[in-house]
Amino acid sequence: QDERERYARLGLKRAEDALRLHPESSDPAQMGAIALAALGERDRAKEWIARALAIDPDDNNTRYNAACAYSLLGEFDRAIALLETWIQQVGSDAKQWFKNDADLDPIREHPRYATLLKLID
């Protein structure tokens, strides 16, 4: 078990516990979705993304983290569609995070990602 997998499993456990305590909160569903995506559990990750977006569809953190999960799942168009909305609503600090977030590495070669970068600079 490599370090990334170990942290993903730990994050998933914490997200599951938090979701049991706070089923009304999208935060644990967001984090759980990213952990599941990192672990390659596609179907569960998509269920958790859907849950997070159903709980808080207009929240920028929810959109961003759903985009990260979709990026890790290889669903680039879905990830970028969420980021296109997100990027219009956030400040410069968040945009700098976006440039360096490893969860978004899989989409960096996508042509629409370059368009997003132009919106930041």
PDB file of N, CA and C in Angstrom:
ATOM      1  N   GLN A   1       0.848  -1.182   0.000  1.00  0.00           N
ATOM      2  CA  GLN A   1       0.000   0.000   0.000  1.00  0.00           C
ATOM      3  C   GLN A   1       0.889   1.239   0.000  1.00  0.00           C
ATOM      4  N   ASP A   2       0.749   2.063  -1.023  1.00  0.00           N
ATOM      5  CA  ASP A   2       1.583   3.258  -1.060  1.00  0.00           C
ATOM      6  C   ASP A   2       0.981   4.359  -0.176  1.00  0.00           C
ATOM      7  N   GLU A   3       1.750   5.412  -0.012  1.00  0.00           N
ATOM      8  CA  GLU A   3       1.350   6.482   0.899  1.00  0.00           C
ATOM      9  C   GLU A   3       0.053   7.156   0.461  1.00  0.00           C
ATOM     10  N   ARG A   4      -0.087   7.393  -0.850  1.00  0.00           N
ATOM     11  CA  ARG A   4      -1.306   8.050  -1.344  1.00  0.00           C
ATOM     12  C   ARG A   4      -2.541   7.196  -1.053  1.00  0.00           C
ATOM     13  N   GLU A   5      -2.416   5.895  -1.263  1.00  0.00           N
ATOM     14  CA  GLU A   5      -3.549   5.005  -0.992  1.00  0.00           C
ATOM     15  C   GLU A   5      -3.874   4.984   0.499  1.00  0.00           C
ATOM     16  N   ARG A   6      -2.856   4.952   1.317  1.00  0.00           N
ATOM     17  CA  ARG A   6      -3.071   4.941   2.768  1.00  0.00           C
ATOM     18  C   ARG A   6      -3.818   6.200   3.214  1.00  0.00           C
ATOM     19  N   TYR A   7      -3.397   7.356   2.686  1.00  0.00           N
ATOM     20  CA  TYR A   7      -4.073   8.603   3.040  1.00  0.00           C
ATOM     21  C   TYR A   7      -5.492   8.652   2.476  1.00  0.00           C
ATOM     22  N   ALA A   8      -5.684   8.107   1.291  1.00  0.00           N
ATOM     23  CA  ALA A   8      -7.026   8.074   0.709  1.00  0.00           C
ATOM     24  C   ALA A   8      -7.951   7.216   1.567  1.00  0.00           C
ATOM     25  N   ARG A   9      -7.457   6.077   2.022  1.00  0.00           N
ATOM     26  CA  ARG A   9      -8.279   5.203   2.880  1.00  0.00           C
ATOM     27  C   ARG A   9      -8.600   5.879   4.220  1.00  0.00           C
ATOM     28  N   LEU A  10      -7.626   6.569   4.778  1.00  0.00           N
ATOM     29  CA  LEU A  10      -7.853   7.299   6.017  1.00  0.00           C
ATOM     30  C   LEU A  10      -8.876   8.417   5.793  1.00  0.00           C
ATOM     31  N   GLY A  11      -8.717   9.152   4.698  1.00  0.00           N
ATOM     32  CA  GLY A  11      -9.664  10.219   4.373  1.00  0.00           C
ATOM     33  C   GLY A  11     -11.070   9.692   4.163  1.00  0.00           C
ATOM     34  N   LEU A  12     -11.178   8.554   3.498  1.00  0.00           N
ATOM     35  CA  LEU A  12     -12.487   7.950   3.272  1.00  0.00           C
ATOM     36  C   LEU A  12     -13.132   7.555   4.597  1.00  0.00           C
ATOM     37  N   LYS A  13     -12.359   6.946   5.479  1.00  0.00           N
ATOM     38  CA  LYS A  13     -12.893   6.552   6.793  1.00  0.00           C
ATOM     39  C   LYS A  13     -13.409   7.770   7.542  1.00  0.00           C
ATOM     40  N   ARG A  14     -12.642   8.837   7.539  1.00  0.00           N
ATOM     41  CA  ARG A  14     -13.065  10.062   8.233  1.00  0.00           C
ATOM     42  C   ARG A  14     -14.304  10.663   7.577  1.00  0.00           C
ATOM     43  N   ALA A  15     -14.355  10.633   6.248  1.00  0.00           N
ATOM     44  CA  ALA A  15     -15.521  11.160   5.531  1.00  0.00           C
ATOM     45  C   ALA A  15     -16.771  10.339   5.844  1.00  0.00           C
ATOM     46  N   GLU A  16     -16.619   9.021   5.880  1.00  0.00           N
ATOM     47  CA  GLU A  16     -17.762   8.155   6.214  1.00  0.00           C
ATOM     48  C   GLU A  16     -18.272   8.454   7.624  1.00  0.00           C
ATOM     49  N   ASP A  17     -17.351   8.599   8.567  1.00  0.00           N
ATOM     50  CA  ASP A  17     -17.736   8.911   9.947  1.00  0.00           C
ATOM     51  C   ASP A  17     -18.433  10.269  10.021  1.00  0.00           C
ATOM     52  N   ALA A  18     -17.872  11.265   9.353  1.00  0.00           N
ATOM     53  CA  ALA A  18     -18.453  12.612   9.372  1.00  0.00           C
ATOM     54  C   ALA A  18     -19.821  12.638   8.700  1.00  0.00           C
ATOM     55  N   LEU A  19     -19.969  11.888   7.623  1.00  0.00           N
ATOM     56  CA  LEU A  19     -21.249  11.863   6.915  1.00  0.00           C
ATOM     57  C   LEU A  19     -22.339  11.216   7.775  1.00  0.00           C
ATOM     58  N   ARG A  20     -21.965  10.217   8.560  1.00  0.00           N
ATOM     59  CA  ARG A  20     -22.937   9.611   9.486  1.00  0.00           C
ATOM     60  C   ARG A  20     -23.398  10.632  10.529  1.00  0.00           C
ATOM     61  N   LEU A  21     -22.469  11.449  11.006  1.00  0.00           N
ATOM     62  CA  LEU A  21     -22.799  12.452  12.023  1.00  0.00           C
ATOM     63  C   LEU A  21     -23.518  13.663  11.441  1.00  0.00           C
ATOM     64  N   HIS A  22     -23.178  14.020  10.197  1.00  0.00           N
ATOM     65  CA  HIS A  22     -23.714  15.237   9.572  1.00  0.00           C
ATOM     66  C   HIS A  22     -24.171  14.947   8.142  1.00  0.00           C
ATOM     67  N   PRO A  23     -25.254  14.191   7.989  1.00  0.00           N
ATOM     68  CA  PRO A  23     -25.700  13.832   6.639  1.00  0.00           C
ATOM     69  C   PRO A  23     -26.176  15.029   5.819  1.00  0.00           C
ATOM     70  N   GLU A  24     -26.420  16.155   6.479  1.00  0.00           N
ATOM     71  CA  GLU A  24     -26.871  17.360   5.785  1.00  0.00           C
ATOM     72  C   GLU A  24     -25.715  18.168   5.197  1.00  0.00           C
ATOM     73  N   SER A  25     -24.486  17.799   5.513  1.00  0.00           N
ATOM     74  CA  SER A  25     -23.311  18.553   5.071  1.00  0.00           C
ATOM     75  C   SER A  25     -22.708  17.942   3.808  1.00  0.00           C
ATOM     76  N   SER A  26     -22.393  18.802   2.858  1.00  0.00           N
ATOM     77  CA  SER A  26     -21.761  18.308   1.629  1.00  0.00           C
ATOM     78  C   SER A  26     -20.263  18.071   1.805  1.00  0.00           C
ATOM     79  N   ASP A  27     -19.652  18.661   2.830  1.00  0.00           N
ATOM     80  CA  ASP A  27     -18.195  18.563   2.995  1.00  0.00           C
ATOM     81  C   ASP A  27     -17.681  17.128   3.069  1.00  0.00           C
ATOM     82  N   PRO A  28     -18.251  16.267   3.927  1.00  0.00           N
ATOM     83  CA  PRO A  28     -17.723  14.899   3.952  1.00  0.00           C
ATOM     84  C   PRO A  28     -17.966  14.147   2.651  1.00  0.00           C
ATOM     85  N   ALA A  29     -19.070  14.437   1.980  1.00  0.00           N
ATOM     86  CA  ALA A  29     -19.336  13.774   0.697  1.00  0.00           C
ATOM     87  C   ALA A  29     -18.312  14.198  -0.349  1.00  0.00           C
ATOM     88  N   GLN A  30     -17.924  15.471  -0.326  1.00  0.00           N
ATOM     89  CA  GLN A  30     -16.893  15.957  -1.256  1.00  0.00           C
ATOM     90  C   GLN A  30     -15.571  15.233  -1.025  1.00  0.00           C
ATOM     91  N   MET A  31     -15.151  15.208   0.232  1.00  0.00           N
ATOM     92  CA  MET A  31     -13.865  14.600   0.564  1.00  0.00           C
ATOM     93  C   MET A  31     -13.887  13.094   0.311  1.00  0.00           C
ATOM     94  N   GLY A  32     -14.994  12.469   0.632  1.00  0.00           N
ATOM     95  CA  GLY A  32     -15.123  11.040   0.373  1.00  0.00           C
ATOM     96  C   GLY A  32     -15.067  10.724  -1.108  1.00  0.00           C
ATOM     97  N   ALA A  33     -15.682  11.581  -1.920  1.00  0.00           N
ATOM     98  CA  ALA A  33     -15.667  11.369  -3.375  1.00  0.00           C
ATOM     99  C   ALA A  33     -14.247  11.410  -3.917  1.00  0.00           C
ATOM    100  N   ILE A  34     -13.457  12.363  -3.453  1.00  0.00           N
ATOM    101  CA  ILE A  34     -12.067  12.465  -3.911  1.00  0.00           C
ATOM    102  C   ILE A  34     -11.272  11.240  -3.463  1.00  0.00           C
ATOM    103  N   ALA A  35     -11.474  10.820  -2.217  1.00  0.00           N
ATOM    104  CA  ALA A  35     -10.772   9.630  -1.718  1.00  0.00           C
ATOM    105  C   ALA A  35     -11.159   8.397  -2.528  1.00  0.00           C
ATOM    106  N   LEU A  36     -12.444   8.231  -2.786  1.00  0.00           N
ATOM    107  CA  LEU A  36     -12.905   7.081  -3.570  1.00  0.00           C
ATOM    108  C   LEU A  36     -12.339   7.116  -4.985  1.00  0.00           C
ATOM    109  N   ALA A  37     -12.300   8.303  -5.583  1.00  0.00           N
ATOM    110  CA  ALA A  37     -11.732   8.431  -6.930  1.00  0.00           C
ATOM    111  C   ALA A  37     -10.253   8.056  -6.919  1.00  0.00           C
ATOM    112  N   ALA A  38      -9.527   8.521  -5.906  1.00  0.00           N
ATOM    113  CA  ALA A  38      -8.100   8.197  -5.794  1.00  0.00           C
ATOM    114  C   ALA A  38      -7.883   6.698  -5.614  1.00  0.00           C
ATOM    115  N   LEU A  39      -8.848   6.033  -5.000  1.00  0.00           N
ATOM    116  CA  LEU A  39      -8.761   4.586  -4.781  1.00  0.00           C
ATOM    117  C   LEU A  39      -9.278   3.782  -5.969  1.00  0.00           C
ATOM    118  N   GLY A  40      -9.779   4.479  -6.985  1.00  0.00           N
ATOM    119  CA  GLY A  40     -10.272   3.798  -8.180  1.00  0.00           C
ATOM    120  C   GLY A  40     -11.667   3.210  -8.027  1.00  0.00           C
ATOM    121  N   GLU A  41     -12.386   3.615  -7.006  1.00  0.00           N
ATOM    122  CA  GLU A  41     -13.745   3.122  -6.782  1.00  0.00           C
ATOM    123  C   GLU A  41     -14.735   4.034  -7.508  1.00  0.00           C
ATOM    124  N   ARG A  42     -14.787   3.859  -8.826  1.00  0.00           N
ATOM    125  CA  ARG A  42     -15.521   4.765  -9.713  1.00  0.00           C
ATOM    126  C   ARG A  42     -16.995   4.942  -9.342  1.00  0.00           C
ATOM    127  N   ASP A  43     -17.709   3.852  -9.200  1.00  0.00           N
ATOM    128  CA  ASP A  43     -19.152   3.953  -8.972  1.00  0.00           C
ATOM    129  C   ASP A  43     -19.469   4.645  -7.647  1.00  0.00           C
ATOM    130  N   ARG A  44     -18.765   4.244  -6.606  1.00  0.00           N
ATOM    131  CA  ARG A  44     -18.997   4.894  -5.307  1.00  0.00           C
ATOM    132  C   ARG A  44     -18.594   6.358  -5.346  1.00  0.00           C
ATOM    133  N   ALA A  45     -17.494   6.666  -6.021  1.00  0.00           N
ATOM    134  CA  ALA A  45     -17.065   8.064  -6.129  1.00  0.00           C
ATOM    135  C   ALA A  45     -18.150   8.897  -6.802  1.00  0.00           C
ATOM    136  N   LYS A  46     -18.722   8.381  -7.873  1.00  0.00           N
ATOM    137  CA  LYS A  46     -19.782   9.117  -8.578  1.00  0.00           C
ATOM    138  C   LYS A  46     -21.015   9.296  -7.693  1.00  0.00           C
ATOM    139  N   GLU A  47     -21.349   8.284  -6.900  1.00  0.00           N
ATOM    140  CA  GLU A  47     -22.479   8.409  -5.971  1.00  0.00           C
ATOM    141  C   GLU A  47     -22.217   9.516  -4.950  1.00  0.00           C
ATOM    142  N   TRP A  48     -21.000   9.569  -4.449  1.00  0.00           N
ATOM    143  CA  TRP A  48     -20.661  10.584  -3.451  1.00  0.00           C
ATOM    144  C   TRP A  48     -20.614  11.976  -4.074  1.00  0.00           C
ATOM    145  N   ILE A  49     -20.139  12.077  -5.321  1.00  0.00           N
ATOM    146  CA  ILE A  49     -20.162  13.371  -6.015  1.00  0.00           C
ATOM    147  C   ILE A  49     -21.608  13.834  -6.152  1.00  0.00           C
ATOM    148  N   ALA A  50     -22.462  12.939  -6.619  1.00  0.00           N
ATOM    149  CA  ALA A  50     -23.876  13.285  -6.803  1.00  0.00           C
ATOM    150  C   ALA A  50     -24.501  13.716  -5.477  1.00  0.00           C
ATOM    151  N   ARG A  51     -24.155  13.024  -4.413  1.00  0.00           N
ATOM    152  CA  ARG A  51     -24.692  13.387  -3.100  1.00  0.00           C
ATOM    153  C   ARG A  51     -24.238  14.782  -2.688  1.00  0.00           C
ATOM    154  N   ALA A  52     -22.951  15.068  -2.839  1.00  0.00           N
ATOM    155  CA  ALA A  52     -22.429  16.389  -2.469  1.00  0.00           C
ATOM    156  C   ALA A  52     -23.113  17.487  -3.276  1.00  0.00           C
ATOM    157  N   LEU A  53     -23.250  17.275  -4.577  1.00  0.00           N
ATOM    158  CA  LEU A  53     -23.880  18.285  -5.432  1.00  0.00           C
ATOM    159  C   LEU A  53     -25.373  18.421  -5.142  1.00  0.00           C
ATOM    160  N   ALA A  54     -26.022  17.345  -4.737  1.00  0.00           N
ATOM    161  CA  ALA A  54     -27.443  17.419  -4.379  1.00  0.00           C
ATOM    162  C   ALA A  54     -27.638  18.205  -3.081  1.00  0.00           C
ATOM    163  N   ILE A  55     -26.717  18.042  -2.145  1.00  0.00           N
ATOM    164  CA  ILE A  55     -26.818  18.741  -0.862  1.00  0.00           C
ATOM    165  C   ILE A  55     -26.557  20.229  -1.034  1.00  0.00           C
ATOM    166  N   ASP A  56     -25.549  20.575  -1.810  1.00  0.00           N
ATOM    167  CA  ASP A  56     -25.122  21.979  -1.904  1.00  0.00           C
ATOM    168  C   ASP A  56     -24.672  22.313  -3.330  1.00  0.00           C
ATOM    169  N   PRO A  57     -25.611  22.356  -4.283  1.00  0.00           N
ATOM    170  CA  PRO A  57     -25.240  22.501  -5.694  1.00  0.00           C
ATOM    171  C   PRO A  57     -24.611  23.842  -6.071  1.00  0.00           C
ATOM    172  N   ASP A  58     -24.867  24.876  -5.283  1.00  0.00           N
ATOM    173  CA  ASP A  58     -24.357  26.200  -5.637  1.00  0.00           C
ATOM    174  C   ASP A  58     -23.101  26.597  -4.873  1.00  0.00           C
ATOM    175  N   ASP A  59     -22.602  25.717  -4.039  1.00  0.00           N
ATOM    176  CA  ASP A  59     -21.418  26.008  -3.238  1.00  0.00           C
ATOM    177  C   ASP A  59     -20.153  25.835  -4.073  1.00  0.00           C
ATOM    178  N   ASN A  60     -19.280  26.834  -4.026  1.00  0.00           N
ATOM    179  CA  ASN A  60     -18.053  26.782  -4.830  1.00  0.00           C
ATOM    180  C   ASN A  60     -17.121  25.651  -4.409  1.00  0.00           C
ATOM    181  N   ASN A  61     -17.005  25.388  -3.116  1.00  0.00           N
ATOM    182  CA  ASN A  61     -16.147  24.280  -2.677  1.00  0.00           C
ATOM    183  C   ASN A  61     -16.683  22.946  -3.169  1.00  0.00           C
ATOM    184  N   THR A  62     -18.001  22.796  -3.148  1.00  0.00           N
ATOM    185  CA  THR A  62     -18.605  21.560  -3.640  1.00  0.00           C
ATOM    186  C   THR A  62     -18.295  21.373  -5.115  1.00  0.00           C
ATOM    187  N   ARG A  63     -18.469  22.427  -5.895  1.00  0.00           N
ATOM    188  CA  ARG A  63     -18.166  22.344  -7.334  1.00  0.00           C
ATOM    189  C   ARG A  63     -16.699  21.997  -7.572  1.00  0.00           C
ATOM    190  N   TYR A  64     -15.826  22.692  -6.858  1.00  0.00           N
ATOM    191  CA  TYR A  64     -14.391  22.475  -7.053  1.00  0.00           C
ATOM    192  C   TYR A  64     -14.000  21.041  -6.710  1.00  0.00           C
ATOM    193  N   ASN A  65     -14.445  20.563  -5.562  1.00  0.00           N
ATOM    194  CA  ASN A  65     -14.072  19.212  -5.151  1.00  0.00           C
ATOM    195  C   ASN A  65     -14.717  18.150  -6.029  1.00  0.00           C
ATOM    196  N   ALA A  66     -15.911  18.406  -6.512  1.00  0.00           N
ATOM    197  CA  ALA A  66     -16.526  17.483  -7.479  1.00  0.00           C
ATOM    198  C   ALA A  66     -15.687  17.452  -8.754  1.00  0.00           C
ATOM    199  N   ALA A  67     -15.196  18.615  -9.179  1.00  0.00           N
ATOM    200  CA  ALA A  67     -14.331  18.673 -10.364  1.00  0.00           C
ATOM    201  C   ALA A  67     -13.047  17.882 -10.133  1.00  0.00           C
ATOM    202  N   CYS A  68     -12.476  17.989  -8.944  1.00  0.00           N
ATOM    203  CA  CYS A  68     -11.268  17.217  -8.625  1.00  0.00           C
ATOM    204  C   CYS A  68     -11.542  15.721  -8.721  1.00  0.00           C
ATOM    205  N   ALA A  69     -12.662  15.296  -8.171  1.00  0.00           N
ATOM    206  CA  ALA A  69     -13.002  13.871  -8.224  1.00  0.00           C
ATOM    207  C   ALA A  69     -13.208  13.422  -9.664  1.00  0.00           C
ATOM    208  N   TYR A  70     -13.939  14.207 -10.452  1.00  0.00           N
ATOM    209  CA  TYR A  70     -14.146  13.845 -11.859  1.00  0.00           C
ATOM    210  C   TYR A  70     -12.821  13.807 -12.617  1.00  0.00           C
ATOM    211  N   SER A  71     -11.916  14.728 -12.308  1.00  0.00           N
ATOM    212  CA  SER A  71     -10.601  14.726 -12.941  1.00  0.00           C
ATOM    213  C   SER A  71      -9.870  13.417 -12.649  1.00  0.00           C
ATOM    214  N   LEU A  72      -9.877  13.008 -11.390  1.00  0.00           N
ATOM    215  CA  LEU A  72      -9.219  11.757 -11.003  1.00  0.00           C
ATOM    216  C   LEU A  72      -9.873  10.540 -11.647  1.00  0.00           C
ATOM    217  N   LEU A  73     -11.168  10.642 -11.938  1.00  0.00           N
ATOM    218  CA  LEU A  73     -11.896   9.543 -12.579  1.00  0.00           C
ATOM    219  C   LEU A  73     -11.723   9.535 -14.097  1.00  0.00           C
ATOM    220  N   GLY A  74     -11.061  10.573 -14.637  1.00  0.00           N
ATOM    221  CA  GLY A  74     -10.872  10.651 -16.085  1.00  0.00           C
ATOM    222  C   GLY A  74     -12.066  11.220 -16.823  1.00  0.00           C
ATOM    223  N   GLU A  75     -13.001  11.821 -16.104  1.00  0.00           N
ATOM    224  CA  GLU A  75     -14.180  12.437 -16.722  1.00  0.00           C
ATOM    225  C   GLU A  75     -13.909  13.934 -16.880  1.00  0.00           C
ATOM    226  N   PHE A  76     -13.055  14.211 -17.860  1.00  0.00           N
ATOM    227  CA  PHE A  76     -12.495  15.548 -18.001  1.00  0.00           C
ATOM    228  C   PHE A  76     -13.531  16.609 -18.348  1.00  0.00           C
ATOM    229  N   ASP A  77     -14.448  16.314 -19.242  1.00  0.00           N
ATOM    230  CA  ASP A  77     -15.445  17.315 -19.623  1.00  0.00           C
ATOM    231  C   ASP A  77     -16.326  17.697 -18.436  1.00  0.00           C
ATOM    232  N   ARG A  78     -16.690  16.729 -17.628  1.00  0.00           N
ATOM    233  CA  ARG A  78     -17.500  17.022 -16.440  1.00  0.00           C
ATOM    234  C   ARG A  78     -16.704  17.872 -15.455  1.00  0.00           C
ATOM    235  N   ALA A  79     -15.433  17.537 -15.273  1.00  0.00           N
ATOM    236  CA  ALA A  79     -14.584  18.308 -14.364  1.00  0.00           C
ATOM    237  C   ALA A  79     -14.462  19.749 -14.839  1.00  0.00           C
ATOM    238  N   ILE A  80     -14.191  19.920 -16.103  1.00  0.00           N
ATOM    239  CA  ILE A  80     -13.973  21.266 -16.632  1.00  0.00           C
ATOM    240  C   ILE A  80     -15.261  22.077 -16.620  1.00  0.00           C
ATOM    241  N   ALA A  81     -16.389  21.455 -16.890  1.00  0.00           N
ATOM    242  CA  ALA A  81     -17.669  22.178 -16.837  1.00  0.00           C
ATOM    243  C   ALA A  81     -17.903  22.762 -15.439  1.00  0.00           C
ATOM    244  N   LEU A  82     -17.600  21.992 -14.413  1.00  0.00           N
ATOM    245  CA  LEU A  82     -17.740  22.504 -13.049  1.00  0.00           C
ATOM    246  C   LEU A  82     -16.739  23.624 -12.772  1.00  0.00           C
ATOM    247  N   LEU A  83     -15.520  23.469 -13.256  1.00  0.00           N
ATOM    248  CA  LEU A  83     -14.499  24.493 -13.034  1.00  0.00           C
ATOM    249  C   LEU A  83     -14.811  25.783 -13.778  1.00  0.00           C
ATOM    250  N   GLU A  84     -15.452  25.680 -14.925  1.00  0.00           N
ATOM    251  CA  GLU A  84     -15.812  26.885 -15.679  1.00  0.00           C
ATOM    252  C   GLU A  84     -16.779  27.757 -14.880  1.00  0.00           C
ATOM    253  N   THR A  85     -17.688  27.137 -14.166  1.00  0.00           N
ATOM    254  CA  THR A  85     -18.598  27.896 -13.299  1.00  0.00           C
ATOM    255  C   THR A  85     -17.854  28.393 -12.064  1.00  0.00           C
ATOM    256  N   TRP A  86     -17.083  27.512 -11.467  1.00  0.00           N
ATOM    257  CA  TRP A  86     -16.358  27.834 -10.239  1.00  0.00           C
ATOM    258  C   TRP A  86     -15.428  29.027 -10.418  1.00  0.00           C
ATOM    259  N   ILE A  87     -14.689  29.049 -11.518  1.00  0.00           N
ATOM    260  CA  ILE A  87     -13.632  30.049 -11.706  1.00  0.00           C
ATOM    261  C   ILE A  87     -14.182  31.471 -11.812  1.00  0.00           C
ATOM    262  N   GLN A  88     -15.442  31.583 -12.212  1.00  0.00           N
ATOM    263  CA  GLN A  88     -16.074  32.899 -12.321  1.00  0.00           C
ATOM    264  C   GLN A  88     -16.466  33.461 -10.951  1.00  0.00           C
ATOM    265  N   GLN A  89     -16.473  32.617  -9.932  1.00  0.00           N
ATOM    266  CA  GLN A  89     -17.037  32.995  -8.635  1.00  0.00           C
ATOM    267  C   GLN A  89     -16.011  33.144  -7.510  1.00  0.00           C
ATOM    268  N   VAL A  90     -14.745  32.814  -7.764  1.00  0.00           N
ATOM    269  CA  VAL A  90     -13.780  32.753  -6.663  1.00  0.00           C
ATOM    270  C   VAL A  90     -12.708  33.827  -6.784  1.00  0.00           C
ATOM    271  N   GLY A  91     -12.004  34.048  -5.683  1.00  0.00           N
ATOM    272  CA  GLY A  91     -10.942  35.035  -5.645  1.00  0.00           C
ATOM    273  C   GLY A  91      -9.611  34.500  -6.150  1.00  0.00           C
ATOM    274  N   SER A  92      -8.618  35.368  -6.141  1.00  0.00           N
ATOM    275  CA  SER A  92      -7.315  35.029  -6.713  1.00  0.00           C
ATOM    276  C   SER A  92      -6.590  33.935  -5.928  1.00  0.00           C
ATOM    277  N   ASP A  93      -6.785  33.863  -4.608  1.00  0.00           N
ATOM    278  CA  ASP A  93      -6.129  32.807  -3.827  1.00  0.00           C
ATOM    279  C   ASP A  93      -6.589  31.428  -4.281  1.00  0.00           C
ATOM    280  N   ALA A  94      -7.883  31.284  -4.479  1.00  0.00           N
ATOM    281  CA  ALA A  94      -8.425  29.999  -4.936  1.00  0.00           C
ATOM    282  C   ALA A  94      -7.909  29.671  -6.327  1.00  0.00           C
ATOM    283  N   LYS A  95      -7.786  30.677  -7.154  1.00  0.00           N
ATOM    284  CA  LYS A  95      -7.298  30.450  -8.517  1.00  0.00           C
ATOM    285  C   LYS A  95      -5.848  29.974  -8.509  1.00  0.00           C
ATOM    286  N   GLN A  96      -5.050  30.480  -7.594  1.00  0.00           N
ATOM    287  CA  GLN A  96      -3.667  30.016  -7.488  1.00  0.00           C
ATOM    288  C   GLN A  96      -3.628  28.558  -7.025  1.00  0.00           C
ATOM    289  N   TRP A  97      -4.521  28.203  -6.114  1.00  0.00           N
ATOM    290  CA  TRP A  97      -4.621  26.808  -5.664  1.00  0.00           C
ATOM    291  C   TRP A  97      -4.926  25.911  -6.852  1.00  0.00           C
ATOM    292  N   PHE A  98      -5.863  26.338  -7.677  1.00  0.00           N
ATOM    293  CA  PHE A  98      -6.288  25.607  -8.875  1.00  0.00           C
ATOM    294  C   PHE A  98      -5.096  25.289  -9.781  1.00  0.00           C
ATOM    295  N   LYS A  99      -4.185  26.222  -9.921  1.00  0.00           N
ATOM    296  CA  LYS A  99      -3.028  26.025 -10.802  1.00  0.00           C
ATOM    297  C   LYS A  99      -2.104  24.903 -10.320  1.00  0.00           C
ATOM    298  N   ASN A 100      -2.125  24.609  -9.025  1.00  0.00           N
ATOM    299  CA  ASN A 100      -1.160  23.672  -8.446  1.00  0.00           C
ATOM    300  C   ASN A 100      -1.767  22.415  -7.835  1.00  0.00           C
ATOM    301  N   ASP A 101      -3.065  22.279  -7.876  1.00  0.00           N
ATOM    302  CA  ASP A 101      -3.733  21.144  -7.233  1.00  0.00           C
ATOM    303  C   ASP A 101      -3.455  19.861  -8.011  1.00  0.00           C
ATOM    304  N   ALA A 102      -2.808  18.900  -7.362  1.00  0.00           N
ATOM    305  CA  ALA A 102      -2.450  17.636  -8.025  1.00  0.00           C
ATOM    306  C   ALA A 102      -3.673  16.845  -8.480  1.00  0.00           C
ATOM    307  N   ASP A 103      -4.816  17.044  -7.828  1.00  0.00           N
ATOM    308  CA  ASP A 103      -6.030  16.340  -8.253  1.00  0.00           C
ATOM    309  C   ASP A 103      -6.456  16.740  -9.665  1.00  0.00           C
ATOM    310  N   LEU A 104      -6.004  17.892 -10.110  1.00  0.00           N
ATOM    311  CA  LEU A 104      -6.360  18.365 -11.452  1.00  0.00           C
ATOM    312  C   LEU A 104      -5.295  18.033 -12.494  1.00  0.00           C
ATOM    313  N   ASP A 105      -4.214  17.383 -12.097  1.00  0.00           N
ATOM    314  CA  ASP A 105      -3.161  17.018 -13.058  1.00  0.00           C
ATOM    315  C   ASP A 105      -3.701  16.266 -14.275  1.00  0.00           C
ATOM    316  N   PRO A 106      -4.649  15.342 -14.103  1.00  0.00           N
ATOM    317  CA  PRO A 106      -5.126  14.603 -15.281  1.00  0.00           C
ATOM    318  C   PRO A 106      -5.773  15.468 -16.370  1.00  0.00           C
ATOM    319  N   ILE A 107      -6.279  16.654 -16.021  1.00  0.00           N
ATOM    320  CA  ILE A 107      -6.959  17.473 -17.042  1.00  0.00           C
ATOM    321  C   ILE A 107      -6.075  18.569 -17.629  1.00  0.00           C
ATOM    322  N   ARG A 108      -4.846  18.684 -17.170  1.00  0.00           N
ATOM    323  CA  ARG A 108      -4.018  19.822 -17.589  1.00  0.00           C
ATOM    324  C   ARG A 108      -3.725  19.860 -19.090  1.00  0.00           C
ATOM    325  N   GLU A 109      -3.778  18.728 -19.761  1.00  0.00           N
ATOM    326  CA  GLU A 109      -3.524  18.694 -21.205  1.00  0.00           C
ATOM    327  C   GLU A 109      -4.792  18.912 -22.034  1.00  0.00           C
ATOM    328  N   HIS A 110      -5.928  18.970 -21.383  1.00  0.00           N
ATOM    329  CA  HIS A 110      -7.195  19.163 -22.087  1.00  0.00           C
ATOM    330  C   HIS A 110      -7.251  20.590 -22.641  1.00  0.00           C
ATOM    331  N   PRO A 111      -7.695  20.773 -23.883  1.00  0.00           N
ATOM    332  CA  PRO A 111      -7.734  22.119 -24.481  1.00  0.00           C
ATOM    333  C   PRO A 111      -8.562  23.122 -23.673  1.00  0.00           C
ATOM    334  N   ARG A 112      -9.621  22.677 -23.056  1.00  0.00           N
ATOM    335  CA  ARG A 112     -10.457  23.602 -22.277  1.00  0.00           C
ATOM    336  C   ARG A 112      -9.765  24.043 -20.987  1.00  0.00           C
ATOM    337  N   TYR A 113      -8.806  23.273 -20.518  1.00  0.00           N
ATOM    338  CA  TYR A 113      -8.044  23.681 -19.337  1.00  0.00           C
ATOM    339  C   TYR A 113      -7.227  24.938 -19.657  1.00  0.00           C
ATOM    340  N   ALA A 114      -6.647  24.974 -20.838  1.00  0.00           N
ATOM    341  CA  ALA A 114      -5.875  26.157 -21.253  1.00  0.00           C
ATOM    342  C   ALA A 114      -6.761  27.400 -21.262  1.00  0.00           C
ATOM    343  N   THR A 115      -7.996  27.242 -21.669  1.00  0.00           N
ATOM    344  CA  THR A 115      -8.939  28.362 -21.662  1.00  0.00           C
ATOM    345  C   THR A 115      -9.197  28.830 -20.231  1.00  0.00           C
ATOM    346  N   LEU A 116      -9.313  27.893 -19.313  1.00  0.00           N
ATOM    347  CA  LEU A 116      -9.500  28.256 -17.908  1.00  0.00           C
ATOM    348  C   LEU A 116      -8.306  29.040 -17.374  1.00  0.00           C
ATOM    349  N   LEU A 117      -7.110  28.627 -17.756  1.00  0.00           N
ATOM    350  CA  LEU A 117      -5.911  29.346 -17.307  1.00  0.00           C
ATOM    351  C   LEU A 117      -5.920  30.793 -17.779  1.00  0.00           C
ATOM    352  N   LYS A 118      -6.411  31.020 -18.982  1.00  0.00           N
ATOM    353  CA  LYS A 118      -6.479  32.390 -19.505  1.00  0.00           C
ATOM    354  C   LYS A 118      -7.418  33.254 -18.672  1.00  0.00           C
ATOM    355  N   LEU A 119      -8.452  32.658 -18.102  1.00  0.00           N
ATOM    356  CA  LEU A 119      -9.377  33.408 -17.259  1.00  0.00           C
ATOM    357  C   LEU A 119      -8.734  33.820 -15.942  1.00  0.00           C
ATOM    358  N   ILE A 120      -7.708  33.110 -15.533  1.00  0.00           N
ATOM    359  CA  ILE A 120      -7.026  33.410 -14.273  1.00  0.00           C
ATOM    360  C   ILE A 120      -6.026  34.540 -14.446  1.00  0.00           C
ATOM    361  N   ASP A 121      -5.262  34.465 -15.509  1.00  0.00           N
ATOM    362  CA  ASP A 121      -4.156  35.425 -15.703  1.00  0.00           C
ATOM    363  C   ASP A 121      -4.614  36.782 -16.176  1.00  0.00           C
TER     364      ASP A 121
END
